[in-house]
Amino acid sequence: MKNKRGIQLIEGSKYRVLSVGAKDTLMETEGVFRGYATLGIDEVGICIERQRGRKKNIRIIPLHAILAIDVLAEAKKNLEVESKETEHYYG
């Protein structure tokens, strides 16, 4: 049976993220996914690199605030690295 993997955010891919903003508004962030960040003890966020004119900055969006993610451009996965990774689950 073929091993099915879920959809993953791929570093270097371009995404549009809709998240909860201030006072029940939507915040739209478009940029390149750079990884995950820990926020405090048990909170995680995604790091999106945005281009603002000539300047680049990183926006960290907490996972609980994300409403939708659109895939705009997918980067190529490094299959060699992926095959060496193991998944860890902690309870």
Protein backbone atom coordinates (compact mmCIF):
# COMPACT_ATOMS: atom_id res chain seq x y z
CA MET A 1 0.00 0.00 0.00
CA LYS A 2 1.31 3.42 -0.93
CA ASN A 3 2.36 5.61 2.01
CA LYS A 4 0.07 8.67 2.01
CA ARG A 5 1.38 11.91 3.43
CA GLY A 6 -0.70 14.91 4.32
CA ILE A 7 -0.24 18.29 2.73
CA GLN A 8 2.73 20.14 4.20
CA LEU A 9 3.92 23.71 4.09
CA ILE A 10 7.16 23.62 2.09
CA GLU A 11 9.96 26.03 2.90
CA GLY A 12 10.52 28.36 -0.05
CA SER A 13 6.94 28.06 -1.36
CA LYS A 14 4.78 31.16 -1.75
CA TYR A 15 1.51 31.34 0.21
CA ARG A 16 -1.32 33.75 0.93
CA VAL A 17 -2.48 33.47 4.55
CA LEU A 18 -5.77 34.86 5.83
CA SER A 19 -5.78 35.28 9.59
CA VAL A 20 -7.68 37.03 12.34
CA GLY A 21 -6.61 40.64 12.73
CA ALA A 22 -7.46 43.33 15.27
CA LYS A 23 -11.12 43.91 16.15
CA ASP A 24 -12.56 41.00 14.13
CA THR A 25 -10.93 42.02 10.84
CA LEU A 26 -9.12 39.80 8.36
CA MET A 27 -5.40 40.18 7.84
CA GLU A 28 -3.94 38.99 4.53
CA THR A 29 -0.26 38.06 4.37
CA GLU A 30 1.40 37.03 1.11
CA GLY A 31 4.96 35.79 0.99
CA VAL A 32 7.43 32.93 1.15
CA PHE A 33 7.20 30.32 3.93
CA ARG A 34 10.43 30.24 5.95
CA GLY A 35 9.53 27.85 8.77
CA TYR A 36 7.94 27.67 12.20
CA ALA A 37 8.53 29.67 15.37
CA THR A 38 7.72 28.89 18.97
CA LEU A 39 5.86 31.60 20.82
CA GLY A 40 6.04 31.11 24.56
CA ILE A 41 5.70 27.67 26.08
CA ASP A 42 3.08 25.93 23.96
CA GLU A 43 2.24 28.22 21.05
CA VAL A 44 3.52 27.84 17.48
CA GLY A 45 3.41 30.20 14.53
CA ILE A 46 4.42 30.16 10.88
CA CYS A 47 7.07 32.52 9.51
CA ILE A 48 6.24 34.28 6.25
CA GLU A 49 8.87 36.45 4.55
CA ARG A 50 7.29 39.47 2.88
CA GLN A 51 8.78 41.88 0.34
CA ARG A 52 7.93 45.52 1.18
CA GLY A 53 9.56 47.65 -1.49
CA ARG A 54 13.28 46.88 -1.25
CA LYS A 55 13.00 45.69 2.33
CA LYS A 56 12.18 42.13 3.38
CA ASN A 57 10.65 41.31 6.73
CA ILE A 58 9.30 38.24 8.50
CA ARG A 59 5.76 38.06 9.86
CA ILE A 60 5.00 35.37 12.44
CA ILE A 61 1.36 34.29 12.42
CA PRO A 62 0.14 32.18 15.37
CA LEU A 63 -1.49 28.92 14.25
CA HIS A 64 -4.67 29.60 16.22
CA ALA A 65 -5.22 32.83 14.22
CA ILE A 66 -5.00 31.24 10.74
CA LEU A 67 -8.28 30.95 8.85
CA ALA A 68 -7.10 29.91 5.36
CA ILE A 69 -3.91 29.32 3.38
CA ASP A 70 -3.72 29.61 -0.42
CA VAL A 71 -0.81 27.98 -2.25
CA LEU A 72 0.48 30.46 -4.84
CA ALA A 73 3.73 28.79 -5.95
CA GLU A 74 5.18 25.52 -4.73
CA ALA A 75 8.93 25.09 -4.28
CA LYS A 76 10.55 21.80 -5.20
CA LYS A 77 11.01 19.43 -2.27
CA ASN A 78 14.39 17.91 -1.61
CA LEU A 79 13.37 14.25 -1.72
CA GLU A 80 16.67 13.05 -0.26
CA VAL A 81 16.20 15.13 2.90
CA GLU A 82 12.54 14.16 3.18
CA SER A 83 13.29 10.43 3.12
CA LYS A 84 15.74 10.81 6.04
CA GLU A 85 13.25 12.71 8.21
CA THR A 86 11.29 10.83 10.82
CA GLU A 87 8.08 11.98 12.38
CA HIS A 88 7.96 12.35 16.14
CA TYR A 89 4.82 12.48 18.20
CA TYR A 90 4.88 13.40 21.85
CA GLY A 91 1.89 12.92 24.10
